[in-house]
Each structure stands twice: as C-alpha cells, then as structure tokens.
Amino acid sequence: MPTVAVDGLDFDFPSTWKASKYDDWQFYRKQFSAMRDGIKSVDLLAVDPDRTAWLIEVKDYRAHERTKPSELDDEVARKVFDTLAAMLPAKINASDAQEAKVAAAVLGARKLRVVLHLEQPRKHSTLRP
C-alpha cells in the first residue's frame, strides 16, 4: 500500500493505485514551474484502477493559520488548473520515468475528482475564524 506524506499527514492508497506527491516532482520543480512566476500545484495525484484521476489538495490549519487573501475555492481551482496544464508536458518531457507514468495515467483517466482535505483546529477561535 503506497503511503504519501504531506505536511505531517500520511495518505494511504491501495497497492492497485498510482499515487504521487506532485508538488515534489522534479518535472514540476525544475521545469514546469520555471516557465513563469505564480504556477501552482496540488499536493497529491492518484489514479485508481477504474481510471479515475484524483487531484488532492491538503490544508492543515491546525498548524498554520490561513493568511492568503484569496478565497480557498479560488486557490484550489487555480492549483487544479495549473496541475492539469502540466500533465501533457510531464508525460512527454519528464526525466523521471515514474513521474511520466503517473502523468500518462492522469491523462488516460475517464473521470476526474478534486479533493480538498482540510484539517481545522478542534476549538473554534473568534480571533482566527
């Protein structure tokens, strides 16, 4: 069972899935994000045996409060858009074979699911709503 760690959280996927921490990819870090300022990425990519691609963004506000001025839905949508834009170039140009395989699996998906995994403090704060 592949386990992918993101910001201190572990995500376990069945062994039949392809799963990868996309924002750690060499292709994303060294090639795609260098094309222009402001390119973003989701945290995880996964593809299940039914060929559903899962783009997963992880936010843990227990450890870090939200400081960005944009709305959360706009931020996630931008990351999804930029990540999807990178899949064809990654399939063709990634120097890491595993990254190219995951990109090809995302491109071959029949369905797309976007997930926001959000951790919030147990206790509500009026200072940090």
C-alpha atoms as a PDB file:
ATOM      1  CA  MET A   1       0.000   0.000   0.000  1.00  0.00           C
ATOM      2  CA  PRO A   2       1.657   3.263  -1.076  1.00  0.00           C
ATOM      3  CA  THR A   3       1.801   5.916   1.625  1.00  0.00           C
ATOM      4  CA  VAL A   4       2.358   9.535   0.665  1.00  0.00           C
ATOM      5  CA  ALA A   5       3.249  12.097   3.339  1.00  0.00           C
ATOM      6  CA  VAL A   6       2.085  15.705   3.033  1.00  0.00           C
ATOM      7  CA  ASP A   7       2.781  18.269   5.754  1.00  0.00           C
ATOM      8  CA  GLY A   8       2.933  15.685   8.530  1.00  0.00           C
ATOM      9  CA  LEU A   9      -0.176  13.804   7.353  1.00  0.00           C
ATOM     10  CA  ASP A  10       0.061  10.313   5.824  1.00  0.00           C
ATOM     11  CA  PHE A  11      -2.234   9.302   2.981  1.00  0.00           C
ATOM     12  CA  ASP A  12      -2.518   5.570   2.318  1.00  0.00           C
ATOM     13  CA  PHE A  13      -3.604   4.295  -1.075  1.00  0.00           C
ATOM     14  CA  PRO A  14      -4.367   0.714  -2.151  1.00  0.00           C
ATOM     15  CA  SER A  15      -1.491  -1.027  -3.921  1.00  0.00           C
ATOM     16  CA  THR A  16      -3.515  -1.046  -7.159  1.00  0.00           C
ATOM     17  CA  TRP A  17      -3.444   2.774  -7.303  1.00  0.00           C
ATOM     18  CA  LYS A  18      -0.745   5.029  -8.712  1.00  0.00           C
ATOM     19  CA  ALA A  19      -0.133   7.822  -6.187  1.00  0.00           C
ATOM     20  CA  SER A  20       2.477  10.540  -6.038  1.00  0.00           C
ATOM     21  CA  LYS A  21       3.268  13.788  -4.224  1.00  0.00           C
ATOM     22  CA  TYR A  22       3.059  16.031  -7.266  1.00  0.00           C
ATOM     23  CA  ASP A  23       4.471  19.199  -5.786  1.00  0.00           C
ATOM     24  CA  ASP A  24       7.734  17.277  -5.130  1.00  0.00           C
ATOM     25  CA  TRP A  25       8.129  16.137  -8.741  1.00  0.00           C
ATOM     26  CA  GLN A  26      11.399  17.107 -10.409  1.00  0.00           C
ATOM     27  CA  PHE A  27       9.439  17.992 -13.524  1.00  0.00           C
ATOM     28  CA  TYR A  28       7.224  20.419 -11.619  1.00  0.00           C
ATOM     29  CA  ARG A  29      10.035  21.943  -9.553  1.00  0.00           C
ATOM     30  CA  LYS A  30      12.748  22.239 -12.204  1.00  0.00           C
ATOM     31  CA  GLN A  31      10.880  22.584 -15.487  1.00  0.00           C
ATOM     32  CA  PHE A  32       7.196  23.452 -15.343  1.00  0.00           C
ATOM     33  CA  SER A  33       7.154  25.988 -12.506  1.00  0.00           C
ATOM     34  CA  ALA A  34      10.161  27.732 -14.055  1.00  0.00           C
ATOM     35  CA  MET A  35       8.110  28.671 -17.131  1.00  0.00           C
ATOM     36  CA  ARG A  36       6.575  31.671 -15.371  1.00  0.00           C
ATOM     37  CA  ASP A  37       6.009  33.088 -11.906  1.00  0.00           C
ATOM     38  CA  GLY A  38       2.944  32.037  -9.980  1.00  0.00           C
ATOM     39  CA  ILE A  39       2.446  28.479 -11.238  1.00  0.00           C
ATOM     40  CA  LYS A  40       0.824  26.385  -8.505  1.00  0.00           C
ATOM     41  CA  SER A  41       0.261  22.693  -7.866  1.00  0.00           C
ATOM     42  CA  VAL A  42      -1.989  20.356  -5.941  1.00  0.00           C
ATOM     43  CA  ASP A  43      -0.274  18.220  -3.327  1.00  0.00           C
ATOM     44  CA  LEU A  44      -1.186  14.712  -4.493  1.00  0.00           C
ATOM     45  CA  LEU A  45      -2.063  12.912  -7.690  1.00  0.00           C
ATOM     46  CA  ALA A  46      -3.654   9.478  -7.632  1.00  0.00           C
ATOM     47  CA  VAL A  47      -5.244   7.254 -10.258  1.00  0.00           C
ATOM     48  CA  ASP A  48      -7.384   4.291  -9.267  1.00  0.00           C
ATOM     49  CA  PRO A  49      -7.937   1.046 -11.240  1.00  0.00           C
ATOM     50  CA  ASP A  50     -11.220   2.387 -12.648  1.00  0.00           C
ATOM     51  CA  ARG A  51      -9.160   5.174 -14.276  1.00  0.00           C
ATOM     52  CA  THR A  52     -10.426   7.966 -12.057  1.00  0.00           C
ATOM     53  CA  ALA A  53      -7.807  10.659 -11.508  1.00  0.00           C
ATOM     54  CA  TRP A  54      -7.786  12.225  -8.051  1.00  0.00           C
ATOM     55  CA  LEU A  55      -6.236  15.669  -7.585  1.00  0.00           C
ATOM     56  CA  ILE A  56      -5.866  16.209  -3.859  1.00  0.00           C
ATOM     57  CA  GLU A  57      -5.051  19.474  -2.109  1.00  0.00           C
ATOM     58  CA  VAL A  58      -4.125  19.282   1.579  1.00  0.00           C
ATOM     59  CA  LYS A  59      -4.609  22.154   4.022  1.00  0.00           C
ATOM     60  CA  ASP A  60      -3.786  21.833   7.718  1.00  0.00           C
ATOM     61  CA  TYR A  61      -4.946  24.920   9.583  1.00  0.00           C
ATOM     62  CA  ARG A  62      -4.253  23.289  12.934  1.00  0.00           C
ATOM     63  CA  ALA A  63      -0.574  24.078  12.490  1.00  0.00           C
ATOM     64  CA  HIS A  64      -0.686  27.136  10.215  1.00  0.00           C
ATOM     65  CA  GLU A  65      -3.456  29.675  10.058  1.00  0.00           C
ATOM     66  CA  ARG A  66      -4.694  30.838   6.683  1.00  0.00           C
ATOM     67  CA  THR A  67      -3.016  34.086   5.658  1.00  0.00           C
ATOM     68  CA  LYS A  68      -3.679  34.260   1.929  1.00  0.00           C
ATOM     69  CA  PRO A  69      -6.011  36.994   0.710  1.00  0.00           C
ATOM     70  CA  SER A  70      -7.695  34.855  -1.970  1.00  0.00           C
ATOM     71  CA  GLU A  71     -10.693  32.650  -1.332  1.00  0.00           C
ATOM     72  CA  LEU A  72      -9.901  28.996  -0.670  1.00  0.00           C
ATOM     73  CA  ASP A  73     -12.030  27.745  -3.571  1.00  0.00           C
ATOM     74  CA  ASP A  74     -10.234  30.088  -5.981  1.00  0.00           C
ATOM     75  CA  GLU A  75      -6.865  28.918  -4.681  1.00  0.00           C
ATOM     76  CA  VAL A  76      -7.744  25.231  -5.129  1.00  0.00           C
ATOM     77  CA  ALA A  77      -9.222  25.849  -8.589  1.00  0.00           C
ATOM     78  CA  ARG A  78      -6.014  27.614  -9.680  1.00  0.00           C
ATOM     79  CA  LYS A  79      -3.874  24.742  -8.402  1.00  0.00           C
ATOM     80  CA  VAL A  80      -6.047  22.201 -10.233  1.00  0.00           C
ATOM     81  CA  PHE A  81      -5.884  24.216 -13.465  1.00  0.00           C
ATOM     82  CA  ASP A  82      -2.083  24.575 -13.306  1.00  0.00           C
ATOM     83  CA  THR A  83      -1.611  20.911 -12.393  1.00  0.00           C
ATOM     84  CA  LEU A  84      -3.763  19.700 -15.278  1.00  0.00           C
ATOM     85  CA  ALA A  85      -1.884  22.019 -17.647  1.00  0.00           C
ATOM     86  CA  ALA A  86       1.348  20.280 -16.635  1.00  0.00           C
ATOM     87  CA  MET A  87       0.253  16.694 -17.305  1.00  0.00           C
ATOM     88  CA  LEU A  88       0.855  16.527 -21.070  1.00  0.00           C
ATOM     89  CA  PRO A  89       4.280  18.206 -20.873  1.00  0.00           C
ATOM     90  CA  ALA A  90       5.159  15.916 -17.929  1.00  0.00           C
ATOM     91  CA  LYS A  91       4.132  12.805 -19.867  1.00  0.00           C
ATOM     92  CA  ILE A  92       6.349  13.840 -22.771  1.00  0.00           C
ATOM     93  CA  ASN A  93       9.267  15.612 -21.077  1.00  0.00           C
ATOM     94  CA  ALA A  94       9.652  14.342 -17.501  1.00  0.00           C
ATOM     95  CA  SER A  95      13.138  12.940 -16.945  1.00  0.00           C
ATOM     96  CA  ASP A  96      11.834  10.737 -14.114  1.00  0.00           C
ATOM     97  CA  ALA A  97      10.097   7.663 -15.567  1.00  0.00           C
ATOM     98  CA  GLN A  98       7.691   7.308 -12.626  1.00  0.00           C
ATOM     99  CA  GLU A  99       6.556  10.924 -12.999  1.00  0.00           C
ATOM    100  CA  ALA A 100       5.918  10.351 -16.706  1.00  0.00           C
ATOM    101  CA  LYS A 101       3.901   7.200 -15.902  1.00  0.00           C
ATOM    102  CA  VAL A 102       1.695   8.973 -13.374  1.00  0.00           C
ATOM    103  CA  ALA A 103       1.156  11.883 -15.797  1.00  0.00           C
ATOM    104  CA  ALA A 104       0.173   9.396 -18.519  1.00  0.00           C
ATOM    105  CA  ALA A 105      -2.253   7.711 -16.111  1.00  0.00           C
ATOM    106  CA  VAL A 106      -3.859  11.076 -15.269  1.00  0.00           C
ATOM    107  CA  LEU A 107      -4.199  11.876 -18.973  1.00  0.00           C
ATOM    108  CA  GLY A 108      -5.758   8.458 -19.594  1.00  0.00           C
ATOM    109  CA  ALA A 109      -8.360   8.890 -16.868  1.00  0.00           C
ATOM    110  CA  ARG A 110     -12.054   8.538 -17.611  1.00  0.00           C
ATOM    111  CA  LYS A 111     -13.135  10.623 -14.620  1.00  0.00           C
ATOM    112  CA  LEU A 112     -11.636  13.448 -12.622  1.00  0.00           C
ATOM    113  CA  ARG A 113     -12.172  14.098  -8.933  1.00  0.00           C
ATOM    114  CA  VAL A 114     -10.862  17.072  -6.983  1.00  0.00           C
ATOM    115  CA  VAL A 115     -10.491  16.657  -3.232  1.00  0.00           C
ATOM    116  CA  LEU A 116      -9.741  19.253  -0.590  1.00  0.00           C
ATOM    117  CA  HIS A 117      -8.501  17.569   2.581  1.00  0.00           C
ATOM    118  CA  LEU A 118      -8.923  20.222   5.259  1.00  0.00           C
ATOM    119  CA  GLU A 119      -7.768  19.936   8.877  1.00  0.00           C
ATOM    120  CA  GLN A 120      -9.085  22.569  11.269  1.00  0.00           C
ATOM    121  CA  PRO A 121      -8.425  23.257  14.943  1.00  0.00           C
ATOM    122  CA  ARG A 122     -10.776  21.426  17.300  1.00  0.00           C
ATOM    123  CA  LYS A 123     -11.593  24.597  19.146  1.00  0.00           C
ATOM    124  CA  HIS A 124     -13.156  27.475  17.217  1.00  0.00           C
ATOM    125  CA  SER A 125     -11.351  30.786  17.601  1.00  0.00           C
ATOM    126  CA  THR A 126     -13.047  34.150  17.167  1.00  0.00           C
ATOM    127  CA  LEU A 127      -9.601  35.644  16.510  1.00  0.00           C
ATOM    128  CA  ARG A 128      -8.914  33.219  13.650  1.00  0.00           C
ATOM    129  CA  PRO A 129     -12.259  32.270  12.108  1.00  0.00           C
END
